[in-house]
N, C-alpha and C. Protein backbone atom coordinates (compact mmCIF):
# COMPACT_ATOMS: atom_id res chain seq x y z
N PHE A 1 3.16 -7.82 -4.62
CA PHE A 1 3.59 -9.20 -4.85
C PHE A 1 3.24 -10.03 -3.63
N ASP A 2 2.76 -11.26 -3.88
CA ASP A 2 2.41 -12.17 -2.78
C ASP A 2 2.27 -13.56 -3.39
N THR A 3 1.87 -14.51 -2.60
CA THR A 3 1.57 -15.86 -3.10
C THR A 3 0.09 -15.91 -3.46
N PRO A 4 -0.34 -16.89 -4.27
CA PRO A 4 -1.76 -16.98 -4.63
C PRO A 4 -2.68 -17.11 -3.42
N ASP A 5 -2.18 -17.68 -2.32
CA ASP A 5 -3.01 -17.79 -1.11
C ASP A 5 -2.72 -16.68 -0.10
N LEU A 6 -1.98 -15.64 -0.54
CA LEU A 6 -1.71 -14.45 0.27
C LEU A 6 -1.01 -14.76 1.59
N ALA A 7 0.01 -15.60 1.51
CA ALA A 7 0.76 -15.97 2.71
C ALA A 7 1.45 -14.76 3.35
N LEU A 8 1.97 -13.85 2.51
CA LEU A 8 2.61 -12.66 3.06
C LEU A 8 1.61 -11.79 3.79
N ASN A 9 0.46 -11.59 3.17
CA ASN A 9 -0.57 -10.74 3.77
C ASN A 9 -1.00 -11.28 5.13
N ARG A 10 -1.13 -12.60 5.22
CA ARG A 10 -1.52 -13.20 6.50
C ARG A 10 -0.45 -12.98 7.56
N ALA A 11 0.80 -12.88 7.13
CA ALA A 11 1.91 -12.64 8.07
C ALA A 11 2.09 -11.16 8.38
N GLY A 12 1.25 -10.30 7.78
CA GLY A 12 1.34 -8.87 8.04
C GLY A 12 2.45 -8.19 7.25
N VAL A 13 2.83 -8.77 6.10
CA VAL A 13 3.90 -8.20 5.27
C VAL A 13 3.32 -7.84 3.90
N VAL A 14 3.67 -6.66 3.42
CA VAL A 14 3.24 -6.20 2.09
C VAL A 14 4.50 -5.87 1.29
N VAL A 15 4.58 -6.38 0.06
CA VAL A 15 5.71 -6.10 -0.83
C VAL A 15 5.14 -5.48 -2.10
N ARG A 16 5.63 -4.31 -2.47
CA ARG A 16 5.11 -3.67 -3.67
C ARG A 16 6.18 -2.84 -4.38
N ALA A 17 5.95 -2.60 -5.66
CA ALA A 17 6.77 -1.70 -6.46
C ALA A 17 5.81 -0.91 -7.33
N ARG A 18 6.16 0.33 -7.64
CA ARG A 18 5.27 1.15 -8.46
C ARG A 18 6.06 2.09 -9.36
N ARG A 19 5.45 2.37 -10.50
CA ARG A 19 5.97 3.38 -11.41
C ARG A 19 5.09 4.62 -11.27
N VAL A 20 5.70 5.79 -11.26
CA VAL A 20 4.95 7.03 -11.07
C VAL A 20 5.30 7.98 -12.20
N GLN A 21 4.26 8.44 -12.90
CA GLN A 21 4.48 9.36 -14.01
C GLN A 21 5.15 10.64 -13.51
N GLY A 22 6.21 11.04 -14.21
CA GLY A 22 6.86 12.30 -13.89
C GLY A 22 7.94 12.20 -12.83
N ARG A 23 8.11 11.01 -12.24
CA ARG A 23 9.19 10.84 -11.30
C ARG A 23 9.61 9.37 -11.27
N GLY A 24 10.67 9.05 -10.53
CA GLY A 24 11.18 7.70 -10.51
C GLY A 24 10.26 6.72 -9.80
N ALA A 25 10.53 5.45 -10.02
CA ALA A 25 9.77 4.39 -9.37
C ALA A 25 10.26 4.18 -7.94
N ASP A 26 9.50 3.39 -7.19
CA ASP A 26 9.95 3.05 -5.84
C ASP A 26 9.46 1.66 -5.46
N SER A 27 10.07 1.12 -4.43
CA SER A 27 9.67 -0.17 -3.89
C SER A 27 9.49 -0.02 -2.39
N ALA A 28 8.77 -0.97 -1.80
CA ALA A 28 8.56 -0.91 -0.35
C ALA A 28 8.30 -2.30 0.20
N VAL A 29 8.82 -2.53 1.39
CA VAL A 29 8.46 -3.69 2.20
C VAL A 29 7.77 -3.12 3.42
N LYS A 30 6.51 -3.48 3.60
CA LYS A 30 5.69 -2.85 4.64
C LYS A 30 5.21 -3.89 5.65
N LEU A 31 5.22 -3.50 6.91
CA LEU A 31 4.61 -4.31 7.97
C LEU A 31 3.29 -3.66 8.35
N ARG A 32 2.21 -4.44 8.36
CA ARG A 32 0.91 -3.93 8.73
C ARG A 32 0.07 -5.06 9.29
N PRO A 33 -0.38 -5.01 10.52
CA PRO A 33 -0.16 -3.94 11.50
C PRO A 33 1.20 -4.07 12.18
N VAL A 34 1.61 -2.99 12.84
CA VAL A 34 2.87 -3.00 13.57
C VAL A 34 2.74 -2.11 14.80
N ASN A 35 3.43 -2.49 15.85
CA ASN A 35 3.54 -1.64 17.04
C ASN A 35 4.86 -0.88 16.91
N PRO A 36 4.82 0.44 16.72
CA PRO A 36 6.07 1.20 16.53
C PRO A 36 7.10 0.97 17.62
N ALA A 37 6.63 0.72 18.84
CA ALA A 37 7.55 0.52 19.96
C ALA A 37 8.37 -0.75 19.79
N ASP A 38 7.89 -1.68 18.93
CA ASP A 38 8.61 -2.93 18.72
C ASP A 38 9.71 -2.80 17.66
N LEU A 39 9.74 -1.68 16.93
CA LEU A 39 10.76 -1.50 15.90
C LEU A 39 12.08 -1.07 16.53
N PRO A 40 13.20 -1.62 16.05
CA PRO A 40 14.52 -1.20 16.56
C PRO A 40 14.75 0.30 16.34
N GLY A 41 15.50 0.89 17.22
CA GLY A 41 15.76 2.32 17.16
C GLY A 41 16.37 2.78 15.86
N ASP A 42 17.28 1.96 15.28
CA ASP A 42 17.93 2.38 14.04
C ASP A 42 16.94 2.44 12.88
N LEU A 43 15.93 1.54 12.89
CA LEU A 43 14.90 1.59 11.86
C LEU A 43 14.01 2.81 12.03
N ARG A 44 13.62 3.10 13.26
CA ARG A 44 12.75 4.24 13.50
C ARG A 44 13.44 5.55 13.14
N ALA A 45 14.76 5.58 13.22
CA ALA A 45 15.51 6.80 12.91
C ALA A 45 15.88 6.90 11.44
N SER A 46 15.69 5.82 10.69
CA SER A 46 16.10 5.81 9.29
C SER A 46 15.18 6.66 8.42
N PRO A 47 15.73 7.49 7.54
CA PRO A 47 14.89 8.26 6.62
C PRO A 47 14.20 7.39 5.58
N LYS A 48 14.63 6.12 5.46
CA LYS A 48 14.01 5.21 4.50
C LYS A 48 12.80 4.48 5.08
N VAL A 49 12.56 4.65 6.38
CA VAL A 49 11.45 3.96 7.04
C VAL A 49 10.40 4.99 7.46
N VAL A 50 9.17 4.74 7.05
CA VAL A 50 8.06 5.63 7.38
C VAL A 50 7.06 4.85 8.24
N VAL A 51 6.74 5.41 9.41
CA VAL A 51 5.74 4.81 10.29
C VAL A 51 4.52 5.73 10.28
N GLU A 52 3.35 5.15 10.01
CA GLU A 52 2.15 5.97 9.94
C GLU A 52 0.94 5.19 10.39
N VAL A 53 -0.12 5.91 10.72
CA VAL A 53 -1.39 5.32 11.11
C VAL A 53 -2.41 5.65 10.03
N ASP A 54 -3.03 4.62 9.47
CA ASP A 54 -4.12 4.81 8.52
C ASP A 54 -5.44 4.66 9.27
N ALA A 55 -6.19 5.74 9.36
CA ALA A 55 -7.47 5.71 10.07
C ALA A 55 -8.61 5.76 9.07
N MET A 56 -9.62 4.92 9.29
CA MET A 56 -10.80 4.88 8.44
C MET A 56 -12.02 4.88 9.35
N PRO A 57 -13.18 5.19 8.81
CA PRO A 57 -14.38 5.04 9.63
C PRO A 57 -14.47 3.61 10.16
N GLY A 58 -14.49 3.46 11.46
CA GLY A 58 -14.63 2.14 12.05
C GLY A 58 -13.32 1.51 12.51
N GLY A 59 -12.18 2.16 12.29
CA GLY A 59 -10.94 1.55 12.77
C GLY A 59 -9.71 2.24 12.26
N TYR A 60 -8.56 1.70 12.66
CA TYR A 60 -7.28 2.25 12.22
C TYR A 60 -6.25 1.13 12.23
N VAL A 61 -5.14 1.34 11.51
CA VAL A 61 -4.05 0.37 11.51
C VAL A 61 -2.74 1.12 11.37
N CYS A 62 -1.74 0.69 12.11
CA CYS A 62 -0.42 1.30 12.07
C CYS A 62 0.49 0.45 11.19
N SER A 63 1.30 1.10 10.36
CA SER A 63 2.18 0.37 9.47
C SER A 63 3.57 1.00 9.46
N ALA A 64 4.55 0.21 9.03
CA ALA A 64 5.93 0.69 8.87
C ALA A 64 6.41 0.26 7.50
N SER A 65 6.85 1.21 6.68
CA SER A 65 7.29 0.94 5.31
C SER A 65 8.78 1.22 5.16
N PHE A 66 9.52 0.23 4.65
CA PHE A 66 10.93 0.39 4.32
C PHE A 66 11.00 0.64 2.83
N LYS A 67 11.36 1.86 2.41
CA LYS A 67 11.25 2.27 1.02
C LYS A 67 12.60 2.32 0.32
N GLY A 68 12.55 2.17 -1.00
CA GLY A 68 13.74 2.27 -1.84
C GLY A 68 13.39 2.92 -3.16
N SER A 69 14.39 3.48 -3.84
CA SER A 69 14.19 4.15 -5.12
C SER A 69 14.59 3.23 -6.27
N LEU A 70 13.90 3.37 -7.41
CA LEU A 70 14.12 2.52 -8.57
C LEU A 70 14.02 3.32 -9.85
N ARG A 71 14.43 2.69 -10.95
CA ARG A 71 14.13 3.21 -12.28
C ARG A 71 12.83 2.58 -12.76
N ASN A 72 12.03 3.37 -13.49
CA ASN A 72 10.75 2.87 -13.97
C ASN A 72 10.88 1.60 -14.81
N ASP A 73 11.95 1.52 -15.63
CA ASP A 73 12.08 0.35 -16.49
C ASP A 73 12.40 -0.91 -15.68
N HIS A 74 12.99 -0.76 -14.51
CA HIS A 74 13.27 -1.93 -13.68
C HIS A 74 11.96 -2.57 -13.19
N VAL A 75 10.99 -1.75 -12.82
CA VAL A 75 9.70 -2.28 -12.38
C VAL A 75 9.01 -3.00 -13.54
N ARG A 76 9.05 -2.40 -14.71
CA ARG A 76 8.43 -3.02 -15.89
C ARG A 76 9.10 -4.35 -16.22
N GLN A 77 10.43 -4.40 -16.13
CA GLN A 77 11.14 -5.64 -16.42
C GLN A 77 10.77 -6.75 -15.43
N ALA A 78 10.62 -6.39 -14.16
CA ALA A 78 10.22 -7.38 -13.16
C ALA A 78 8.80 -7.88 -13.43
N ALA A 79 7.92 -6.96 -13.83
CA ALA A 79 6.54 -7.35 -14.13
C ALA A 79 6.48 -8.28 -15.33
N LEU A 80 7.41 -8.10 -16.29
CA LEU A 80 7.45 -8.94 -17.48
C LEU A 80 8.21 -10.24 -17.25
N GLY A 81 8.85 -10.35 -16.07
CA GLY A 81 9.59 -11.57 -15.76
C GLY A 81 11.02 -11.59 -16.27
N THR A 82 11.53 -10.46 -16.75
CA THR A 82 12.90 -10.43 -17.27
C THR A 82 13.91 -9.90 -16.25
N ARG A 83 13.45 -9.50 -15.09
CA ARG A 83 14.34 -9.08 -14.00
C ARG A 83 13.88 -9.79 -12.73
N PRO A 84 14.81 -10.42 -11.98
CA PRO A 84 14.41 -11.08 -10.74
C PRO A 84 13.77 -10.08 -9.77
N LEU A 85 12.71 -10.50 -9.13
CA LEU A 85 11.99 -9.61 -8.22
C LEU A 85 12.90 -9.04 -7.14
N ARG A 86 13.80 -9.86 -6.62
CA ARG A 86 14.66 -9.41 -5.53
C ARG A 86 15.51 -8.21 -5.92
N LYS A 87 15.74 -8.04 -7.25
CA LYS A 87 16.58 -6.95 -7.73
C LYS A 87 15.89 -5.59 -7.62
N LEU A 88 14.59 -5.60 -7.27
CA LEU A 88 13.88 -4.34 -7.07
C LEU A 88 14.09 -3.80 -5.65
N PHE A 89 14.78 -4.56 -4.83
CA PHE A 89 14.89 -4.20 -3.42
C PHE A 89 16.35 -4.14 -2.98
N THR A 90 16.65 -3.21 -2.10
CA THR A 90 18.02 -3.05 -1.62
C THR A 90 18.37 -4.18 -0.65
N LYS A 91 19.64 -4.27 -0.34
CA LYS A 91 20.09 -5.27 0.61
C LYS A 91 19.39 -5.10 1.96
N GLU A 92 19.21 -3.85 2.38
CA GLU A 92 18.55 -3.57 3.66
C GLU A 92 17.08 -3.96 3.62
N GLN A 93 16.42 -3.68 2.50
CA GLN A 93 15.02 -4.08 2.36
C GLN A 93 14.88 -5.60 2.39
N ARG A 94 15.80 -6.29 1.72
CA ARG A 94 15.74 -7.76 1.69
C ARG A 94 15.95 -8.34 3.09
N ALA A 95 16.82 -7.73 3.87
CA ALA A 95 17.04 -8.19 5.24
C ALA A 95 15.80 -7.96 6.09
N PHE A 96 15.15 -6.81 5.89
CA PHE A 96 13.91 -6.47 6.60
C PHE A 96 12.82 -7.49 6.25
N TYR A 97 12.74 -7.83 4.96
CA TYR A 97 11.78 -8.83 4.51
C TYR A 97 12.06 -10.18 5.15
N ALA A 98 13.31 -10.61 5.12
CA ALA A 98 13.68 -11.93 5.65
C ALA A 98 13.34 -12.05 7.13
N GLU A 99 13.42 -10.94 7.84
CA GLU A 99 13.16 -10.96 9.29
C GLU A 99 11.68 -11.16 9.59
N HIS A 100 10.80 -10.76 8.67
CA HIS A 100 9.37 -10.74 8.97
C HIS A 100 8.52 -11.66 8.09
N ALA A 101 9.03 -12.09 6.95
CA ALA A 101 8.26 -12.96 6.06
C ALA A 101 8.23 -14.39 6.60
N PRO A 102 7.26 -15.20 6.18
CA PRO A 102 7.23 -16.60 6.59
C PRO A 102 8.52 -17.32 6.19
N ASP A 103 8.98 -18.23 7.02
CA ASP A 103 10.22 -18.96 6.76
C ASP A 103 10.15 -19.68 5.41
N GLY A 104 11.24 -19.54 4.64
CA GLY A 104 11.33 -20.25 3.37
C GLY A 104 10.68 -19.57 2.20
N LEU A 105 10.00 -18.44 2.43
CA LEU A 105 9.33 -17.74 1.34
C LEU A 105 10.24 -16.61 0.84
N GLU A 106 10.91 -16.87 -0.28
CA GLU A 106 11.88 -15.91 -0.82
C GLU A 106 11.19 -14.92 -1.76
N PHE A 107 11.87 -13.81 -2.05
CA PHE A 107 11.32 -12.82 -2.96
C PHE A 107 10.91 -13.44 -4.29
N ASP A 108 11.79 -14.26 -4.86
CA ASP A 108 11.52 -14.79 -6.18
C ASP A 108 10.49 -15.92 -6.19
N ASP A 109 9.95 -16.26 -5.01
CA ASP A 109 8.83 -17.20 -4.93
C ASP A 109 7.49 -16.49 -5.07
N LEU A 110 7.49 -15.16 -5.03
CA LEU A 110 6.26 -14.39 -5.03
C LEU A 110 5.71 -14.22 -6.45
N SER A 111 4.40 -14.03 -6.54
CA SER A 111 3.72 -13.82 -7.82
C SER A 111 3.35 -12.34 -7.97
N LEU A 112 3.26 -11.91 -9.21
CA LEU A 112 2.81 -10.56 -9.50
C LEU A 112 1.30 -10.50 -9.32
N LEU A 113 0.84 -9.64 -8.45
CA LEU A 113 -0.60 -9.40 -8.25
C LEU A 113 -0.88 -7.97 -8.69
N GLY A 114 -1.17 -7.81 -9.95
CA GLY A 114 -1.37 -6.49 -10.51
C GLY A 114 -1.07 -6.55 -11.99
N PRO A 115 -0.86 -5.39 -12.62
CA PRO A 115 -0.78 -4.07 -11.99
C PRO A 115 -2.15 -3.41 -11.84
N VAL A 116 -2.19 -2.38 -11.01
CA VAL A 116 -3.37 -1.53 -10.86
C VAL A 116 -3.01 -0.16 -11.41
N PHE A 117 -3.89 0.40 -12.23
CA PHE A 117 -3.69 1.75 -12.74
C PHE A 117 -4.36 2.72 -11.78
N VAL A 118 -3.60 3.69 -11.31
CA VAL A 118 -4.10 4.62 -10.28
C VAL A 118 -3.99 6.05 -10.77
N LEU A 119 -5.08 6.79 -10.62
CA LEU A 119 -5.10 8.24 -10.87
C LEU A 119 -5.10 8.94 -9.52
N LYS A 120 -4.22 9.92 -9.36
CA LYS A 120 -4.07 10.59 -8.07
C LYS A 120 -4.12 12.10 -8.26
N LEU A 121 -4.89 12.77 -7.40
CA LEU A 121 -5.03 14.23 -7.47
C LEU A 121 -4.96 14.82 -6.07
N LYS A 122 -4.09 15.81 -5.90
CA LYS A 122 -4.03 16.55 -4.65
C LYS A 122 -4.74 17.88 -4.86
N PHE A 123 -5.63 18.24 -3.93
CA PHE A 123 -6.38 19.48 -4.07
C PHE A 123 -6.81 19.99 -2.70
N GLU A 124 -7.23 21.24 -2.64
CA GLU A 124 -7.70 21.84 -1.40
C GLU A 124 -9.12 22.34 -1.61
N PRO A 125 -10.12 21.54 -1.25
CA PRO A 125 -11.51 21.92 -1.52
C PRO A 125 -11.94 23.14 -0.70
N GLU A 126 -12.79 23.95 -1.30
CA GLU A 126 -13.29 25.14 -0.63
C GLU A 126 -14.06 24.77 0.64
N GLY A 127 -13.74 25.47 1.72
CA GLY A 127 -14.44 25.24 2.97
C GLY A 127 -13.84 24.16 3.86
N TYR A 128 -12.76 23.53 3.39
CA TYR A 128 -12.14 22.45 4.18
C TYR A 128 -10.90 22.93 4.92
N GLY A 129 -10.08 23.73 4.25
CA GLY A 129 -8.91 24.30 4.90
C GLY A 129 -7.71 23.37 5.00
N ARG A 130 -7.78 22.23 4.36
CA ARG A 130 -6.67 21.28 4.35
C ARG A 130 -6.57 20.68 2.95
N LYS A 131 -5.42 20.08 2.68
CA LYS A 131 -5.28 19.38 1.41
C LYS A 131 -5.91 18.00 1.50
N LEU A 132 -6.60 17.62 0.45
CA LEU A 132 -7.13 16.27 0.31
C LEU A 132 -6.41 15.58 -0.84
N VAL A 133 -6.30 14.29 -0.76
CA VAL A 133 -5.76 13.48 -1.86
C VAL A 133 -6.85 12.52 -2.30
N ALA A 134 -7.16 12.55 -3.58
CA ALA A 134 -8.11 11.60 -4.16
C ALA A 134 -7.34 10.59 -4.99
N GLU A 135 -7.56 9.30 -4.72
CA GLU A 135 -6.95 8.23 -5.50
C GLU A 135 -8.06 7.36 -6.07
N LEU A 136 -8.01 7.15 -7.37
CA LEU A 136 -8.96 6.27 -8.04
C LEU A 136 -8.20 5.06 -8.57
N TRP A 137 -8.49 3.89 -8.01
CA TRP A 137 -7.83 2.64 -8.42
C TRP A 137 -8.74 1.94 -9.43
N LEU A 138 -8.21 1.69 -10.62
CA LEU A 138 -8.98 1.11 -11.72
C LEU A 138 -8.54 -0.33 -11.95
N TYR A 139 -9.49 -1.26 -11.89
CA TYR A 139 -9.20 -2.68 -12.03
C TYR A 139 -9.55 -3.18 -13.43
N PRO A 140 -8.91 -4.28 -13.86
CA PRO A 140 -9.14 -4.80 -15.22
C PRO A 140 -10.60 -5.14 -15.52
N ASP A 141 -11.39 -5.49 -14.50
CA ASP A 141 -12.79 -5.86 -14.75
C ASP A 141 -13.73 -4.64 -14.77
N GLY A 142 -13.15 -3.44 -14.66
CA GLY A 142 -13.97 -2.23 -14.70
C GLY A 142 -14.38 -1.71 -13.33
N SER A 143 -14.12 -2.48 -12.28
CA SER A 143 -14.46 -2.01 -10.93
C SER A 143 -13.46 -0.95 -10.48
N ARG A 144 -13.86 -0.14 -9.51
CA ARG A 144 -13.04 0.98 -9.06
C ARG A 144 -13.11 1.13 -7.55
N ILE A 145 -12.05 1.68 -7.00
CA ILE A 145 -12.03 2.07 -5.59
C ILE A 145 -11.59 3.53 -5.53
N LEU A 146 -12.37 4.34 -4.82
CA LEU A 146 -12.02 5.74 -4.64
C LEU A 146 -11.66 5.96 -3.17
N GLU A 147 -10.51 6.57 -2.94
CA GLU A 147 -10.10 6.90 -1.58
C GLU A 147 -9.87 8.41 -1.49
N LEU A 148 -10.45 9.02 -0.48
CA LEU A 148 -10.18 10.41 -0.13
C LEU A 148 -9.40 10.40 1.17
N SER A 149 -8.27 11.09 1.21
CA SER A 149 -7.45 11.05 2.42
C SER A 149 -6.79 12.39 2.68
N THR A 150 -6.38 12.58 3.91
CA THR A 150 -5.59 13.74 4.29
C THR A 150 -4.57 13.29 5.31
N LYS A 151 -3.54 14.09 5.53
CA LYS A 151 -2.50 13.74 6.49
C LYS A 151 -2.47 14.75 7.62
N CYS A 152 -2.09 14.27 8.80
CA CYS A 152 -1.96 15.16 9.94
C CYS A 152 -1.02 14.53 10.96
N ALA A 153 -0.60 15.32 11.93
CA ALA A 153 0.23 14.81 13.03
C ALA A 153 -0.63 13.94 13.95
N PRO A 154 -0.02 12.96 14.65
CA PRO A 154 -0.80 12.07 15.51
C PRO A 154 -1.68 12.81 16.52
N GLY A 155 -1.18 13.91 17.07
CA GLY A 155 -1.96 14.64 18.08
C GLY A 155 -3.19 15.32 17.54
N GLU A 156 -3.25 15.46 16.21
CA GLU A 156 -4.40 16.12 15.58
C GLU A 156 -5.43 15.12 15.05
N ALA A 157 -5.16 13.84 15.18
CA ALA A 157 -5.93 12.82 14.47
C ALA A 157 -7.43 12.89 14.76
N PHE A 158 -7.82 12.96 16.01
CA PHE A 158 -9.24 12.92 16.34
C PHE A 158 -9.96 14.17 15.83
N GLN A 159 -9.32 15.33 15.98
CA GLN A 159 -9.94 16.56 15.51
C GLN A 159 -10.08 16.57 13.99
N VAL A 160 -9.01 16.18 13.30
CA VAL A 160 -9.04 16.16 11.83
C VAL A 160 -10.06 15.14 11.33
N ALA A 161 -10.15 14.00 11.99
CA ALA A 161 -11.13 12.99 11.59
C ALA A 161 -12.55 13.51 11.73
N ALA A 162 -12.83 14.21 12.83
CA ALA A 162 -14.17 14.74 13.05
C ALA A 162 -14.51 15.82 12.02
N VAL A 163 -13.56 16.71 11.76
CA VAL A 163 -13.78 17.77 10.77
C VAL A 163 -13.98 17.18 9.38
N SER A 164 -13.17 16.19 9.04
CA SER A 164 -13.25 15.57 7.72
C SER A 164 -14.58 14.84 7.53
N ARG A 165 -14.99 14.12 8.55
CA ARG A 165 -16.27 13.40 8.47
C ARG A 165 -17.42 14.39 8.26
N ALA A 166 -17.41 15.48 9.03
CA ALA A 166 -18.48 16.47 8.90
C ALA A 166 -18.47 17.10 7.51
N PHE A 167 -17.28 17.43 7.02
CA PHE A 167 -17.15 18.06 5.71
C PHE A 167 -17.71 17.16 4.61
N LEU A 168 -17.35 15.88 4.63
CA LEU A 168 -17.80 14.95 3.59
C LEU A 168 -19.30 14.66 3.71
N THR A 169 -19.78 14.51 4.94
CA THR A 169 -21.19 14.21 5.16
C THR A 169 -22.07 15.36 4.66
N GLU A 170 -21.63 16.60 4.94
CA GLU A 170 -22.39 17.78 4.50
C GLU A 170 -22.51 17.84 2.98
N ARG A 171 -21.59 17.19 2.28
CA ARG A 171 -21.61 17.20 0.81
C ARG A 171 -22.21 15.93 0.23
N GLY A 172 -22.90 15.19 1.06
CA GLY A 172 -23.65 14.05 0.59
C GLY A 172 -22.84 12.80 0.32
N ILE A 173 -21.62 12.73 0.84
CA ILE A 173 -20.79 11.54 0.63
C ILE A 173 -21.11 10.51 1.71
N ASP A 174 -21.53 9.34 1.30
CA ASP A 174 -21.92 8.27 2.22
C ASP A 174 -20.67 7.60 2.80
N LEU A 175 -20.54 7.64 4.12
CA LEU A 175 -19.37 7.04 4.78
C LEU A 175 -19.71 5.70 5.43
N SER A 176 -20.89 5.16 5.12
CA SER A 176 -21.31 3.92 5.77
C SER A 176 -20.95 2.67 4.98
N GLY A 177 -20.35 2.85 3.79
CA GLY A 177 -19.99 1.70 2.97
C GLY A 177 -18.84 0.91 3.56
N GLU A 178 -18.57 -0.25 2.96
CA GLU A 178 -17.49 -1.10 3.44
C GLU A 178 -16.15 -0.36 3.32
N GLN A 179 -15.37 -0.40 4.38
CA GLN A 179 -14.08 0.27 4.40
C GLN A 179 -12.97 -0.77 4.50
N GLN A 180 -11.98 -0.67 3.62
CA GLN A 180 -10.80 -1.51 3.73
C GLN A 180 -9.65 -0.82 3.01
N THR A 181 -8.44 -1.22 3.34
CA THR A 181 -7.29 -0.58 2.71
C THR A 181 -7.24 -0.94 1.23
N LYS A 182 -6.71 -0.03 0.43
CA LYS A 182 -6.59 -0.27 -1.01
C LYS A 182 -5.72 -1.48 -1.28
N THR A 183 -4.65 -1.62 -0.49
CA THR A 183 -3.73 -2.73 -0.70
C THR A 183 -4.43 -4.07 -0.51
N LYS A 184 -5.20 -4.19 0.55
CA LYS A 184 -5.90 -5.45 0.81
C LYS A 184 -6.87 -5.77 -0.31
N ALA A 185 -7.60 -4.77 -0.77
CA ALA A 185 -8.56 -5.00 -1.86
C ALA A 185 -7.86 -5.45 -3.12
N ALA A 186 -6.72 -4.83 -3.44
CA ALA A 186 -5.97 -5.19 -4.65
C ALA A 186 -5.43 -6.62 -4.55
N LEU A 187 -4.87 -6.96 -3.40
CA LEU A 187 -4.33 -8.30 -3.21
C LEU A 187 -5.42 -9.36 -3.39
N GLU A 188 -6.57 -9.14 -2.78
CA GLU A 188 -7.64 -10.14 -2.86
C GLU A 188 -8.16 -10.27 -4.29
N PHE A 189 -8.26 -9.16 -5.01
CA PHE A 189 -8.75 -9.20 -6.39
C PHE A 189 -7.82 -10.01 -7.28
N PHE A 190 -6.52 -9.67 -7.28
CA PHE A 190 -5.59 -10.31 -8.20
C PHE A 190 -5.24 -11.73 -7.76
N ALA A 191 -5.26 -12.00 -6.45
CA ALA A 191 -5.02 -13.36 -6.00
C ALA A 191 -6.13 -14.29 -6.48
N ALA A 192 -7.37 -13.81 -6.43
CA ALA A 192 -8.50 -14.61 -6.92
C ALA A 192 -8.36 -14.87 -8.42
N GLU A 193 -7.92 -13.86 -9.18
CA GLU A 193 -7.68 -14.05 -10.62
C GLU A 193 -6.59 -15.08 -10.87
N LEU A 194 -5.51 -14.99 -10.10
CA LEU A 194 -4.39 -15.91 -10.28
C LEU A 194 -4.79 -17.34 -9.95
N ARG A 195 -5.54 -17.52 -8.88
CA ARG A 195 -5.99 -18.87 -8.51
C ARG A 195 -6.92 -19.44 -9.59
N SER A 196 -7.76 -18.58 -10.16
CA SER A 196 -8.67 -19.03 -11.22
C SER A 196 -7.89 -19.46 -12.45
N GLU A 197 -6.84 -18.72 -12.80
CA GLU A 197 -6.01 -19.07 -13.96
C GLU A 197 -5.30 -20.41 -13.72
N GLU A 198 -4.82 -20.63 -12.48
CA GLU A 198 -4.12 -21.88 -12.18
C GLU A 198 -5.07 -23.07 -12.25
N GLU A 199 -6.32 -22.87 -11.80
CA GLU A 199 -7.30 -23.95 -11.83
C GLU A 199 -7.67 -24.30 -13.27
N CYS A 200 -7.78 -23.25 -14.12
CA CYS A 200 -8.14 -23.48 -15.54
C CYS A 200 -6.96 -24.07 -16.32
N GLY A 201 -5.72 -23.69 -15.88
CA GLY A 201 -4.54 -24.14 -16.61
C GLY A 201 -4.18 -25.57 -16.27
């Protein structure tokens, strides 16, 4: 969720909700980029807050996500406009949002930018020795984004990155293409659609 001109994204705030087949839905208010040292101690110690570094060829970004649990039908109701967006988020998440979002921009001022249908597979390819996650994001116009990722502790990052790059390169996977986070790509796609609809309407 964001404004048509992506005001939240420019402020480094990401707001999302998702339904997941086979388990409950969830919501998140994310700061990206963030300096972990700037986060209050109680947030860093909270089991509801996840701090991680997303590394890609050519760069990395650190983020902090304040997560909450939901029912799948609540997300659908919000997407259909029958449930206020703010109701997808806990009191603590709303306070976290208010602290970092642009002044005057409330949850219910945001627009739905989506949905995106995502296929996700966890597997351990032969010769790699680690688990990989493949995510295929499918857009309404037929375009797709494929992400291959793995997780590791911060102290292992450089070694795992080097091993992963070598493994993928040996299998003919081109790593020289444009790299960007899935979230940013999704926001830009749906924001452009929304602006086009407003101009035509």
